[in-house]
Structure formats: structure tokens, C-alpha cells
Amino acid sequence: MPTYHYVAASERFLCEEEPLAEVLRERRDHYRDHGRTVDFWLVRQPAFLDAEPVKAGGVAVPRPAAAVVSTDARFIDFMKLRLEWVARGQFDAPTPAVPDPLASLATKNDNDLPLPT
């Protein structure tokens, strides 16, 4: 079962106040240039933040929240340093508490986050 690492913050902070789209675009391009499969995702209103294992870790994130989730701990460490005012954590999935690590509580229209190409 994979371990997922994340940084999370309020959706407004992460998606509007920080240059997140640029950072993720640069990372995606870097992966493409090096033949790597993308292993990070932006999740608006992530469901895993409400799961007991994550809540028990004491991570408090203002709502509505957004998170960058990855199986690459080093990338999430970089994101924590780059974004600074975010919560960092990890969880294992799939589990009964977190059946889908990328599940969102947002409606379809709310979850359309255009990233520059």
C-alpha cells in the first residue's frame, strides 16, 4: 500500500495567493523532459483531510482546503519549503479510512482548476 505525502492549506491561499500553477507546470515539464510519470496531483477539498488517521495527526487546515498530493516525499518536502505556510502530512491508501487518496468533496464544477499549459 503506497504512502501519500501532501501539503495542504486553504484553497484560496494555495490556489490564488501562491504561484502554485507555475510550480506544478514546471514540475510537470521536468518530469516530461526526464521521461518520468507524473506522481503528484492537486486536489481541491480533499476528502482525506476528514479521515481519522489524518485528523489524529493533528493537522488543522482552514476550509475549503486544497492539497498537493504525491507519492514522492522529497517533492512534498520541496513544496513545504517553497510554499512555507502549509500543513505537511502523510497517509497510507487505500484503506477503509481513505479508500481513494485523491477523492474530493468538491462538486465537479468546483473542482475544475485550470492550470496554465
PDB file of N, CA and C in Angstrom:
ATOM      1  N   MET A   1       0.852  -1.167   0.000  1.00  0.00           N
ATOM      2  CA  MET A   1       0.000   0.000   0.000  1.00  0.00           C
ATOM      3  C   MET A   1       0.903   1.237   0.000  1.00  0.00           C
ATOM      4  N   PRO A   2       0.706   2.115  -0.965  1.00  0.00           N
ATOM      5  CA  PRO A   2       1.568   3.294  -1.055  1.00  0.00           C
ATOM      6  C   PRO A   2       1.302   4.318   0.050  1.00  0.00           C
ATOM      7  N   THR A   3       2.339   5.061   0.358  1.00  0.00           N
ATOM      8  CA  THR A   3       2.221   6.194   1.269  1.00  0.00           C
ATOM      9  C   THR A   3       2.108   7.452   0.425  1.00  0.00           C
ATOM     10  N   TYR A   4       1.118   8.250   0.729  1.00  0.00           N
ATOM     11  CA  TYR A   4       0.908   9.524   0.047  1.00  0.00           C
ATOM     12  C   TYR A   4       1.331  10.647   0.984  1.00  0.00           C
ATOM     13  N   HIS A   5       2.049  11.592   0.442  1.00  0.00           N
ATOM     14  CA  HIS A   5       2.522  12.755   1.183  1.00  0.00           C
ATOM     15  C   HIS A   5       1.767  13.961   0.633  1.00  0.00           C
ATOM     16  N   TYR A   6       1.568  14.956   1.475  1.00  0.00           N
ATOM     17  CA  TYR A   6       0.810  16.112   0.999  1.00  0.00           C
ATOM     18  C   TYR A   6       1.221  17.392   1.710  1.00  0.00           C
ATOM     19  N   VAL A   7       0.947  18.491   1.040  1.00  0.00           N
ATOM     20  CA  VAL A   7       0.911  19.810   1.666  1.00  0.00           C
ATOM     21  C   VAL A   7      -0.508  20.310   1.437  1.00  0.00           C
ATOM     22  N   ALA A   8      -1.072  20.940   2.451  1.00  0.00           N
ATOM     23  CA  ALA A   8      -2.451  21.423   2.352  1.00  0.00           C
ATOM     24  C   ALA A   8      -2.556  22.789   3.008  1.00  0.00           C
ATOM     25  N   ALA A   9      -3.473  23.570   2.487  1.00  0.00           N
ATOM     26  CA  ALA A   9      -3.738  24.906   3.025  1.00  0.00           C
ATOM     27  C   ALA A   9      -5.138  25.295   2.576  1.00  0.00           C
ATOM     28  N   SER A  10      -5.542  26.501   2.938  1.00  0.00           N
ATOM     29  CA  SER A  10      -6.837  26.955   2.444  1.00  0.00           C
ATOM     30  C   SER A  10      -6.756  27.015   0.920  1.00  0.00           C
ATOM     31  N   GLU A  11      -7.865  26.727   0.293  1.00  0.00           N
ATOM     32  CA  GLU A  11      -7.908  26.730  -1.171  1.00  0.00           C
ATOM     33  C   GLU A  11      -7.520  28.102  -1.723  1.00  0.00           C
ATOM     34  N   ARG A  12      -7.992  29.136  -1.077  1.00  0.00           N
ATOM     35  CA  ARG A  12      -7.672  30.490  -1.549  1.00  0.00           C
ATOM     36  C   ARG A  12      -6.172  30.745  -1.489  1.00  0.00           C
ATOM     37  N   PHE A  13      -5.545  30.408  -0.369  1.00  0.00           N
ATOM     38  CA  PHE A  13      -4.105  30.622  -0.234  1.00  0.00           C
ATOM     39  C   PHE A  13      -3.338  29.806  -1.267  1.00  0.00           C
ATOM     40  N   LEU A  14      -3.633  28.525  -1.344  1.00  0.00           N
ATOM     41  CA  LEU A  14      -2.856  27.636  -2.195  1.00  0.00           C
ATOM     42  C   LEU A  14      -3.080  27.901  -3.675  1.00  0.00           C
ATOM     43  N   CYS A  15      -4.317  28.161  -4.065  1.00  0.00           N
ATOM     44  CA  CYS A  15      -4.644  28.264  -5.488  1.00  0.00           C
ATOM     45  C   CYS A  15      -4.681  29.683  -6.038  1.00  0.00           C
ATOM     46  N   GLU A  16      -4.760  30.682  -5.156  1.00  0.00           N
ATOM     47  CA  GLU A  16      -4.849  32.053  -5.640  1.00  0.00           C
ATOM     48  C   GLU A  16      -3.681  32.925  -5.199  1.00  0.00           C
ATOM     49  N   GLU A  17      -3.229  32.758  -3.967  1.00  0.00           N
ATOM     50  CA  GLU A  17      -2.200  33.646  -3.439  1.00  0.00           C
ATOM     51  C   GLU A  17      -0.784  33.154  -3.710  1.00  0.00           C
ATOM     52  N   GLU A  18      -0.627  31.892  -3.975  1.00  0.00           N
ATOM     53  CA  GLU A  18       0.685  31.313  -4.250  1.00  0.00           C
ATOM     54  C   GLU A  18       0.799  30.991  -5.738  1.00  0.00           C
ATOM     55  N   PRO A  19       2.015  30.988  -6.284  1.00  0.00           N
ATOM     56  CA  PRO A  19       2.197  30.661  -7.707  1.00  0.00           C
ATOM     57  C   PRO A  19       2.178  29.149  -7.942  1.00  0.00           C
ATOM     58  N   LEU A  20       1.167  28.481  -7.409  1.00  0.00           N
ATOM     59  CA  LEU A  20       1.110  27.025  -7.459  1.00  0.00           C
ATOM     60  C   LEU A  20       1.047  26.494  -8.884  1.00  0.00           C
ATOM     61  N   ALA A  21       0.230  27.103  -9.726  1.00  0.00           N
ATOM     62  CA  ALA A  21       0.105  26.625 -11.104  1.00  0.00           C
ATOM     63  C   ALA A  21       1.464  26.627 -11.792  1.00  0.00           C
ATOM     64  N   GLU A  22       2.236  27.674 -11.571  1.00  0.00           N
ATOM     65  CA  GLU A  22       3.563  27.764 -12.182  1.00  0.00           C
ATOM     66  C   GLU A  22       4.492  26.671 -11.656  1.00  0.00           C
ATOM     67  N   VAL A  23       4.477  26.452 -10.360  1.00  0.00           N
ATOM     68  CA  VAL A  23       5.338  25.430  -9.755  1.00  0.00           C
ATOM     69  C   VAL A  23       4.970  24.046 -10.285  1.00  0.00           C
ATOM     70  N   LEU A  24       3.674  23.741 -10.343  1.00  0.00           N
ATOM     71  CA  LEU A  24       3.244  22.429 -10.829  1.00  0.00           C
ATOM     72  C   LEU A  24       3.526  22.264 -12.317  1.00  0.00           C
ATOM     73  N   ARG A  25       3.360  23.321 -13.089  1.00  0.00           N
ATOM     74  CA  ARG A  25       3.672  23.264 -14.519  1.00  0.00           C
ATOM     75  C   ARG A  25       5.157  22.989 -14.729  1.00  0.00           C
ATOM     76  N   GLU A  26       6.014  23.690 -13.981  1.00  0.00           N
ATOM     77  CA  GLU A  26       7.458  23.460 -14.104  1.00  0.00           C
ATOM     78  C   GLU A  26       7.817  22.025 -13.726  1.00  0.00           C
ATOM     79  N   ARG A  27       7.194  21.518 -12.680  1.00  0.00           N
ATOM     80  CA  ARG A  27       7.463  20.142 -12.243  1.00  0.00           C
ATOM     81  C   ARG A  27       6.995  19.145 -13.298  1.00  0.00           C
ATOM     82  N   ARG A  28       5.805  19.377 -13.857  1.00  0.00           N
ATOM     83  CA  ARG A  28       5.286  18.502 -14.916  1.00  0.00           C
ATOM     84  C   ARG A  28       6.221  18.499 -16.123  1.00  0.00           C
ATOM     85  N   ASP A  29       6.698  19.680 -16.514  1.00  0.00           N
ATOM     86  CA  ASP A  29       7.627  19.771 -17.643  1.00  0.00           C
ATOM     87  C   ASP A  29       8.931  19.052 -17.345  1.00  0.00           C
ATOM     88  N   HIS A  30       9.423  19.181 -16.122  1.00  0.00           N
ATOM     89  CA  HIS A  30      10.648  18.490 -15.710  1.00  0.00           C
ATOM     90  C   HIS A  30      10.458  16.977 -15.817  1.00  0.00           C
ATOM     91  N   TYR A  31       9.326  16.490 -15.351  1.00  0.00           N
ATOM     92  CA  TYR A  31       9.047  15.051 -15.442  1.00  0.00           C
ATOM     93  C   TYR A  31       9.004  14.616 -16.902  1.00  0.00           C
ATOM     94  N   ARG A  32       8.321  15.379 -17.735  1.00  0.00           N
ATOM     95  CA  ARG A  32       8.212  15.040 -19.160  1.00  0.00           C
ATOM     96  C   ARG A  32       9.593  15.000 -19.799  1.00  0.00           C
ATOM     97  N   ASP A  33      10.420  15.992 -19.513  1.00  0.00           N
ATOM     98  CA  ASP A  33      11.761  16.056 -20.095  1.00  0.00           C
ATOM     99  C   ASP A  33      12.643  14.894 -19.665  1.00  0.00           C
ATOM    100  N   HIS A  34      12.360  14.327 -18.491  1.00  0.00           N
ATOM    101  CA  HIS A  34      13.172  13.225 -17.970  1.00  0.00           C
ATOM    102  C   HIS A  34      12.469  11.872 -18.066  1.00  0.00           C
ATOM    103  N   GLY A  35      11.351  11.829 -18.793  1.00  0.00           N
ATOM    104  CA  GLY A  35      10.649  10.573 -19.016  1.00  0.00           C
ATOM    105  C   GLY A  35      10.012   9.976 -17.776  1.00  0.00           C
ATOM    106  N   ARG A  36       9.696  10.808 -16.799  1.00  0.00           N
ATOM    107  CA  ARG A  36       9.077  10.317 -15.562  1.00  0.00           C
ATOM    108  C   ARG A  36       7.561  10.429 -15.639  1.00  0.00           C
ATOM    109  N   THR A  37       6.904   9.522 -14.975  1.00  0.00           N
ATOM    110  CA  THR A  37       5.451   9.560 -14.862  1.00  0.00           C
ATOM    111  C   THR A  37       5.074  10.532 -13.748  1.00  0.00           C
ATOM    112  N   VAL A  38       4.091  11.360 -14.011  1.00  0.00           N
ATOM    113  CA  VAL A  38       3.641  12.328 -13.009  1.00  0.00           C
ATOM    114  C   VAL A  38       3.107  11.579 -11.792  1.00  0.00           C
ATOM    115  N   ASP A  39       3.613  11.943 -10.620  1.00  0.00           N
ATOM    116  CA  ASP A  39       3.210  11.295  -9.367  1.00  0.00           C
ATOM    117  C   ASP A  39       2.744  12.323  -8.346  1.00  0.00           C
ATOM    118  N   PHE A  40       2.145  13.405  -8.844  1.00  0.00           N
ATOM    119  CA  PHE A  40       1.608  14.433  -7.952  1.00  0.00           C
ATOM    120  C   PHE A  40       0.296  14.937  -8.533  1.00  0.00           C
ATOM    121  N   TRP A  41      -0.581  15.368  -7.634  1.00  0.00           N
ATOM    122  CA  TRP A  41      -1.914  15.785  -8.031  1.00  0.00           C
ATOM    123  C   TRP A  41      -2.359  16.951  -7.160  1.00  0.00           C
ATOM    124  N   LEU A  42      -3.144  17.840  -7.738  1.00  0.00           N
ATOM    125  CA  LEU A  42      -3.783  18.915  -6.987  1.00  0.00           C
ATOM    126  C   LEU A  42      -5.212  18.473  -6.699  1.00  0.00           C
ATOM    127  N   VAL A  43      -5.585  18.460  -5.435  1.00  0.00           N
ATOM    128  CA  VAL A  43      -6.928  18.035  -5.040  1.00  0.00           C
ATOM    129  C   VAL A  43      -7.589  19.183  -4.285  1.00  0.00           C
ATOM    130  N   ARG A  44      -8.685  19.673  -4.832  1.00  0.00           N
ATOM    131  CA  ARG A  44      -9.462  20.697  -4.137  1.00  0.00           C
ATOM    132  C   ARG A  44     -10.436  20.012  -3.201  1.00  0.00           C
ATOM    133  N   GLN A  45     -10.530  20.522  -1.989  1.00  0.00           N
ATOM    134  CA  GLN A  45     -11.385  19.979  -0.938  1.00  0.00           C
ATOM    135  C   GLN A  45     -11.139  18.475  -0.763  1.00  0.00           C
ATOM    136  N   PRO A  46      -9.897  18.103  -0.448  1.00  0.00           N
ATOM    137  CA  PRO A  46      -9.548  16.683  -0.344  1.00  0.00           C
ATOM    138  C   PRO A  46     -10.297  15.975   0.786  1.00  0.00           C
ATOM    139  N   ALA A  47     -10.865  14.827   0.452  1.00  0.00           N
ATOM    140  CA  ALA A  47     -11.626  14.047   1.432  1.00  0.00           C
ATOM    141  C   ALA A  47     -10.722  13.465   2.508  1.00  0.00           C
ATOM    142  N   PHE A  48      -9.474  13.173   2.186  1.00  0.00           N
ATOM    143  CA  PHE A  48      -8.597  12.525   3.169  1.00  0.00           C
ATOM    144  C   PHE A  48      -8.366  13.387   4.404  1.00  0.00           C
ATOM    145  N   LEU A  49      -8.543  14.703   4.300  1.00  0.00           N
ATOM    146  CA  LEU A  49      -8.345  15.561   5.473  1.00  0.00           C
ATOM    147  C   LEU A  49      -9.369  15.275   6.570  1.00  0.00           C
ATOM    148  N   ASP A  50     -10.496  14.669   6.199  1.00  0.00           N
ATOM    149  CA  ASP A  50     -11.526  14.326   7.184  1.00  0.00           C
ATOM    150  C   ASP A  50     -11.379  12.905   7.719  1.00  0.00           C
ATOM    151  N   ALA A  51     -10.405  12.155   7.240  1.00  0.00           N
ATOM    152  CA  ALA A  51     -10.202  10.772   7.688  1.00  0.00           C
ATOM    153  C   ALA A  51      -9.535  10.760   9.065  1.00  0.00           C
ATOM    154  N   GLU A  52      -9.930   9.816   9.893  1.00  0.00           N
ATOM    155  CA  GLU A  52      -9.389   9.725  11.257  1.00  0.00           C
ATOM    156  C   GLU A  52      -7.863   9.669  11.316  1.00  0.00           C
ATOM    157  N   PRO A  53      -7.193   8.878  10.468  1.00  0.00           N
ATOM    158  CA  PRO A  53      -5.725   8.840  10.580  1.00  0.00           C
ATOM    159  C   PRO A  53      -5.083  10.223  10.381  1.00  0.00           C
ATOM    160  N   VAL A  54      -5.649  11.019   9.488  1.00  0.00           N
ATOM    161  CA  VAL A  54      -5.098  12.356   9.230  1.00  0.00           C
ATOM    162  C   VAL A  54      -5.488  13.303  10.357  1.00  0.00           C
ATOM    163  N   LYS A  55      -6.738  13.251  10.793  1.00  0.00           N
ATOM    164  CA  LYS A  55      -7.191  14.097  11.904  1.00  0.00           C
ATOM    165  C   LYS A  55      -6.389  13.809  13.171  1.00  0.00           C
ATOM    166  N   ALA A  56      -6.100  12.523  13.406  1.00  0.00           N
ATOM    167  CA  ALA A  56      -5.350  12.125  14.601  1.00  0.00           C
ATOM    168  C   ALA A  56      -3.935  12.683  14.583  1.00  0.00           C
ATOM    169  N   GLY A  57      -3.428  12.973  13.386  1.00  0.00           N
ATOM    170  CA  GLY A  57      -2.091  13.553  13.264  1.00  0.00           C
ATOM    171  C   GLY A  57      -2.044  15.016  13.655  1.00  0.00           C
ATOM    172  N   GLY A  58      -3.198  15.598  13.959  1.00  0.00           N
ATOM    173  CA  GLY A  58      -3.235  16.977  14.431  1.00  0.00           C
ATOM    174  C   GLY A  58      -3.096  18.023  13.343  1.00  0.00           C
ATOM    175  N   VAL A  59      -3.301  17.645  12.098  1.00  0.00           N
ATOM    176  CA  VAL A  59      -3.191  18.595  11.001  1.00  0.00           C
ATOM    177  C   VAL A  59      -4.489  19.386  10.905  1.00  0.00           C
ATOM    178  N   ALA A  60      -4.403  20.689  11.120  1.00  0.00           N
ATOM    179  CA  ALA A  60      -5.573  21.565  11.017  1.00  0.00           C
ATOM    180  C   ALA A  60      -5.396  22.461   9.799  1.00  0.00           C
ATOM    181  N   VAL A  61      -6.325  22.370   8.869  1.00  0.00           N
ATOM    182  CA  VAL A  61      -6.249  23.139   7.635  1.00  0.00           C
ATOM    183  C   VAL A  61      -7.552  23.911   7.478  1.00  0.00           C
ATOM    184  N   PRO A  62      -7.480  25.226   7.233  1.00  0.00           N
ATOM    185  CA  PRO A  62      -8.699  26.007   7.011  1.00  0.00           C
ATOM    186  C   PRO A  62      -9.487  25.461   5.819  1.00  0.00           C
ATOM    187  N   ARG A  63     -10.817  25.552   5.913  1.00  0.00           N
ATOM    188  CA  ARG A  63     -11.682  25.057   4.841  1.00  0.00           C
ATOM    189  C   ARG A  63     -12.320  26.219   4.109  1.00  0.00           C
ATOM    190  N   PRO A  64     -12.644  26.094   2.849  1.00  0.00           N
ATOM    191  CA  PRO A  64     -12.324  24.966   2.000  1.00  0.00           C
ATOM    192  C   PRO A  64     -10.820  24.862   1.782  1.00  0.00           C
ATOM    193  N   ALA A  65     -10.350  23.641   1.689  1.00  0.00           N
ATOM    194  CA  ALA A  65      -8.917  23.373   1.582  1.00  0.00           C
ATOM    195  C   ALA A  65      -8.561  22.880   0.183  1.00  0.00           C
ATOM    196  N   ALA A  66      -7.276  22.874  -0.075  1.00  0.00           N
ATOM    197  CA  ALA A  66      -6.720  22.257  -1.282  1.00  0.00           C
ATOM    198  C   ALA A  66      -5.411  21.607  -0.861  1.00  0.00           C
ATOM    199  N   ALA A  67      -4.987  20.611  -1.622  1.00  0.00           N
ATOM    200  CA  ALA A  67      -3.754  19.904  -1.279  1.00  0.00           C
ATOM    201  C   ALA A  67      -3.021  19.470  -2.538  1.00  0.00           C
ATOM    202  N   VAL A  68      -1.714  19.456  -2.438  1.00  0.00           N
ATOM    203  CA  VAL A  68      -0.874  18.811  -3.442  1.00  0.00           C
ATOM    204  C   VAL A  68      -0.490  17.483  -2.826  1.00  0.00           C
ATOM    205  N   VAL A  69      -0.808  16.407  -3.514  1.00  0.00           N
ATOM    206  CA  VAL A  69      -0.596  15.048  -3.023  1.00  0.00           C
ATOM    207  C   VAL A  69       0.398  14.362  -3.944  1.00  0.00           C
ATOM    208  N   SER A  70       1.325  13.599  -3.356  1.00  0.00           N
ATOM    209  CA  SER A  70       2.326  12.896  -4.157  1.00  0.00           C
ATOM    210  C   SER A  70       2.797  11.644  -3.434  1.00  0.00           C
ATOM    211  N   THR A  71       3.315  10.712  -4.196  1.00  0.00           N
ATOM    212  CA  THR A  71       3.978   9.549  -3.605  1.00  0.00           C
ATOM    213  C   THR A  71       5.459   9.834  -3.404  1.00  0.00           C
ATOM    214  N   ASP A  72       5.914  11.006  -3.817  1.00  0.00           N
ATOM    215  CA  ASP A  72       7.319  11.411  -3.709  1.00  0.00           C
ATOM    216  C   ASP A  72       7.491  12.349  -2.509  1.00  0.00           C
ATOM    217  N   ALA A  73       8.022  11.820  -1.416  1.00  0.00           N
ATOM    218  CA  ALA A  73       8.196  12.616  -0.192  1.00  0.00           C
ATOM    219  C   ALA A  73       9.125  13.801  -0.417  1.00  0.00           C
ATOM    220  N   ARG A  74      10.147  13.633  -1.230  1.00  0.00           N
ATOM    221  CA  ARG A  74      11.091  14.740  -1.471  1.00  0.00           C
ATOM    222  C   ARG A  74      10.404  15.908  -2.174  1.00  0.00           C
ATOM    223  N   PHE A  75       9.519  15.618  -3.120  1.00  0.00           N
ATOM    224  CA  PHE A  75       8.790  16.681  -3.802  1.00  0.00           C
ATOM    225  C   PHE A  75       7.912  17.443  -2.811  1.00  0.00           C
ATOM    226  N   ILE A  76       7.249  16.731  -1.915  1.00  0.00           N
ATOM    227  CA  ILE A  76       6.401  17.388  -0.921  1.00  0.00           C
ATOM    228  C   ILE A  76       7.255  18.190   0.062  1.00  0.00           C
ATOM    229  N   ASP A  77       8.436  17.694   0.412  1.00  0.00           N
ATOM    230  CA  ASP A  77       9.357  18.489   1.239  1.00  0.00           C
ATOM    231  C   ASP A  77       9.706  19.793   0.530  1.00  0.00           C
ATOM    232  N   PHE A  78       9.984  19.708  -0.776  1.00  0.00           N
ATOM    233  CA  PHE A  78      10.270  20.903  -1.573  1.00  0.00           C
ATOM    234  C   PHE A  78       9.074  21.854  -1.553  1.00  0.00           C
ATOM    235  N   MET A  79       7.870  21.309  -1.734  1.00  0.00           N
ATOM    236  CA  MET A  79       6.673  22.152  -1.744  1.00  0.00           C
ATOM    237  C   MET A  79       6.474  22.832  -0.392  1.00  0.00           C
ATOM    238  N   LYS A  80       6.758  22.134   0.689  1.00  0.00           N
ATOM    239  CA  LYS A  80       6.637  22.723   2.030  1.00  0.00           C
ATOM    240  C   LYS A  80       7.597  23.900   2.175  1.00  0.00           C
ATOM    241  N   LEU A  81       8.824  23.717   1.713  1.00  0.00           N
ATOM    242  CA  LEU A  81       9.804  24.804   1.783  1.00  0.00           C
ATOM    243  C   LEU A  81       9.415  25.952   0.857  1.00  0.00           C
ATOM    244  N   ARG A  82       8.909  25.636  -0.313  1.00  0.00           N
ATOM    245  CA  ARG A  82       8.566  26.643  -1.318  1.00  0.00           C
ATOM    246  C   ARG A  82       7.339  27.452  -0.901  1.00  0.00           C
ATOM    247  N   LEU A  83       6.335  26.766  -0.355  1.00  0.00           N
ATOM    248  CA  LEU A  83       5.079  27.435  -0.023  1.00  0.00           C
ATOM    249  C   LEU A  83       5.031  27.921   1.419  1.00  0.00           C
ATOM    250  N   GLU A  84       5.828  27.341   2.268  1.00  0.00           N
ATOM    251  CA  GLU A  84       6.030  27.736   3.655  1.00  0.00           C
ATOM    252  C   GLU A  84       4.801  27.599   4.547  1.00  0.00           C
ATOM    253  N   TRP A  85       3.749  28.369   4.320  1.00  0.00           N
ATOM    254  CA  TRP A  85       2.600  28.400   5.236  1.00  0.00           C
ATOM    255  C   TRP A  85       1.564  27.344   4.870  1.00  0.00           C
ATOM    256  N   VAL A  86       2.005  26.100   4.812  1.00  0.00           N
ATOM    257  CA  VAL A  86       1.119  24.978   4.515  1.00  0.00           C
ATOM    258  C   VAL A  86       1.334  23.882   5.556  1.00  0.00           C
ATOM    259  N   ALA A  87       0.337  23.037   5.717  1.00  0.00           N
ATOM    260  CA  ALA A  87       0.482  21.866   6.589  1.00  0.00           C
ATOM    261  C   ALA A  87       1.072  20.736   5.757  1.00  0.00           C
ATOM    262  N   ARG A  88       1.932  19.931   6.382  1.00  0.00           N
ATOM    263  CA  ARG A  88       2.525  18.794   5.686  1.00  0.00           C
ATOM    264  C   ARG A  88       2.141  17.536   6.442  1.00  0.00           C
ATOM    265  N   GLY A  89       1.846  16.481   5.707  1.00  0.00           N
ATOM    266  CA  GLY A  89       1.493  15.221   6.345  1.00  0.00           C
ATOM    267  C   GLY A  89       1.603  14.067   5.380  1.00  0.00           C
ATOM    268  N   GLN A  90       1.214  12.906   5.866  1.00  0.00           N
ATOM    269  CA  GLN A  90       1.230  11.713   5.027  1.00  0.00           C
ATOM    270  C   GLN A  90       0.171  10.740   5.522  1.00  0.00           C
ATOM    271  N   PHE A  91      -0.205   9.831   4.646  1.00  0.00           N
ATOM    272  CA  PHE A  91      -1.172   8.793   4.989  1.00  0.00           C
ATOM    273  C   PHE A  91      -0.987   7.638   4.016  1.00  0.00           C
ATOM    274  N   ASP A  92      -1.441   6.476   4.432  1.00  0.00           N
ATOM    275  CA  ASP A  92      -1.416   5.303   3.565  1.00  0.00           C
ATOM    276  C   ASP A  92      -2.789   5.147   2.929  1.00  0.00           C
ATOM    277  N   ALA A  93      -2.804   4.693   1.690  1.00  0.00           N
ATOM    278  CA  ALA A  93      -4.073   4.452   0.995  1.00  0.00           C
ATOM    279  C   ALA A  93      -3.828   3.447  -0.126  1.00  0.00           C
ATOM    280  N   PRO A  94      -4.803   2.707  -0.510  1.00  0.00           N
ATOM    281  CA  PRO A  94      -6.165   2.721   0.001  1.00  0.00           C
ATOM    282  C   PRO A  94      -6.302   1.952   1.311  1.00  0.00           C
ATOM    283  N   THR A  95      -7.152   2.482   2.176  1.00  0.00           N
ATOM    284  CA  THR A  95      -7.500   1.855   3.452  1.00  0.00           C
ATOM    285  C   THR A  95      -9.002   2.059   3.655  1.00  0.00           C
ATOM    286  N   PRO A  96      -9.585   1.409   4.644  1.00  0.00           N
ATOM    287  CA  PRO A  96     -11.008   1.678   4.912  1.00  0.00           C
ATOM    288  C   PRO A  96     -11.263   3.159   5.235  1.00  0.00           C
ATOM    289  N   ALA A  97     -10.327   3.804   5.908  1.00  0.00           N
ATOM    290  CA  ALA A  97     -10.497   5.221   6.266  1.00  0.00           C
ATOM    291  C   ALA A  97     -10.271   6.142   5.070  1.00  0.00           C
ATOM    292  N   VAL A  98      -9.366   5.757   4.176  1.00  0.00           N
ATOM    293  CA  VAL A  98      -9.053   6.559   2.986  1.00  0.00           C
ATOM    294  C   VAL A  98      -9.070   5.621   1.774  1.00  0.00           C
ATOM    295  N   PRO A  99     -10.255   5.319   1.242  1.00  0.00           N
ATOM    296  CA  PRO A  99     -10.324   4.389   0.117  1.00  0.00           C
ATOM    297  C   PRO A  99      -9.751   4.956  -1.181  1.00  0.00           C
ATOM    298  N   ASP A 100      -9.851   6.268  -1.359  1.00  0.00           N
ATOM    299  CA  ASP A 100      -9.340   6.920  -2.566  1.00  0.00           C
ATOM    300  C   ASP A 100      -8.509   8.125  -2.137  1.00  0.00           C
ATOM    301  N   PRO A 101      -7.187   8.072  -2.320  1.00  0.00           N
ATOM    302  CA  PRO A 101      -6.333   9.164  -1.844  1.00  0.00           C
ATOM    303  C   PRO A 101      -6.560  10.491  -2.559  1.00  0.00           C
ATOM    304  N   LEU A 102      -7.198  10.458  -3.726  1.00  0.00           N
ATOM    305  CA  LEU A 102      -7.402  11.685  -4.496  1.00  0.00           C
ATOM    306  C   LEU A 102      -8.861  12.133  -4.511  1.00  0.00           C
ATOM    307  N   ALA A 103      -9.687  11.535  -3.676  1.00  0.00           N
ATOM    308  CA  ALA A 103     -11.106  11.894  -3.635  1.00  0.00           C
ATOM    309  C   ALA A 103     -11.281  13.337  -3.175  1.00  0.00           C
ATOM    310  N   SER A 104     -12.254  13.992  -3.787  1.00  0.00           N
ATOM    311  CA  SER A 104     -12.550  15.388  -3.472  1.00  0.00           C
ATOM    312  C   SER A 104     -13.983  15.514  -2.988  1.00  0.00           C
ATOM    313  N   LEU A 105     -14.197  16.435  -2.066  1.00  0.00           N
ATOM    314  CA  LEU A 105     -15.545  16.749  -1.598  1.00  0.00           C
ATOM    315  C   LEU A 105     -16.182  17.851  -2.441  1.00  0.00           C
ATOM    316  N   ALA A 106     -15.430  18.404  -3.371  1.00  0.00           N
ATOM    317  CA  ALA A 106     -15.927  19.479  -4.229  1.00  0.00           C
ATOM    318  C   ALA A 106     -16.865  18.905  -5.281  1.00  0.00           C
ATOM    319  N   THR A 107     -17.789  19.735  -5.732  1.00  0.00           N
ATOM    320  CA  THR A 107     -18.627  19.322  -6.851  1.00  0.00           C
ATOM    321  C   THR A 107     -17.788  19.377  -8.111  1.00  0.00           C
ATOM    322  N   LYS A 108     -18.249  18.766  -9.168  1.00  0.00           N
ATOM    323  CA  LYS A 108     -17.478  18.734 -10.413  1.00  0.00           C
ATOM    324  C   LYS A 108     -17.093  20.135 -10.865  1.00  0.00           C
ATOM    325  N   ASN A 109     -18.044  21.069 -10.863  1.00  0.00           N
ATOM    326  CA  ASN A 109     -17.742  22.428 -11.307  1.00  0.00           C
ATOM    327  C   ASN A 109     -16.746  23.115 -10.384  1.00  0.00           C
ATOM    328  N   ASP A 110     -16.828  22.837  -9.081  1.00  0.00           N
ATOM    329  CA  ASP A 110     -15.899  23.442  -8.131  1.00  0.00           C
ATOM    330  C   ASP A 110     -14.485  22.921  -8.319  1.00  0.00           C
ATOM    331  N   ASN A 111     -14.354  21.715  -8.849  1.00  0.00           N
ATOM    332  CA  ASN A 111     -13.046  21.080  -8.920  1.00  0.00           C
ATOM    333  C   ASN A 111     -12.322  21.360 -10.229  1.00  0.00           C
ATOM    334  N   ASP A 112     -12.906  22.140 -11.126  1.00  0.00           N
ATOM    335  CA  ASP A 112     -12.240  22.469 -12.378  1.00  0.00           C
ATOM    336  C   ASP A 112     -11.225  23.566 -12.118  1.00  0.00           C
ATOM    337  N   LEU A 113      -9.990  23.163 -11.928  1.00  0.00           N
ATOM    338  CA  LEU A 113      -8.934  24.116 -11.627  1.00  0.00           C
ATOM    339  C   LEU A 113      -8.049  24.232 -12.852  1.00  0.00           C
ATOM    340  N   PRO A 114      -8.219  25.246 -13.659  1.00  0.00           N
ATOM    341  CA  PRO A 114      -7.406  25.342 -14.860  1.00  0.00           C
ATOM    342  C   PRO A 114      -5.961  25.676 -14.507  1.00  0.00           C
ATOM    343  N   LEU A 115      -5.058  24.881 -15.021  1.00  0.00           N
ATOM    344  CA  LEU A 115      -3.638  25.154 -14.852  1.00  0.00           C
ATOM    345  C   LEU A 115      -3.089  25.598 -16.196  1.00  0.00           C
ATOM    346  N   PRO A 116      -2.277  26.637 -16.216  1.00  0.00           N
ATOM    347  CA  PRO A 116      -1.725  27.105 -17.485  1.00  0.00           C
ATOM    348  C   PRO A 116      -0.938  26.001 -18.179  1.00  0.00           C
ATOM    349  N   THR A 117      -1.025  25.971 -19.489  1.00  0.00           N
ATOM    350  CA  THR A 117      -0.273  24.967 -20.257  1.00  0.00           C
ATOM    351  C   THR A 117       0.968  25.562 -20.854  1.00  0.00           C
TER     352      THR A 117
END
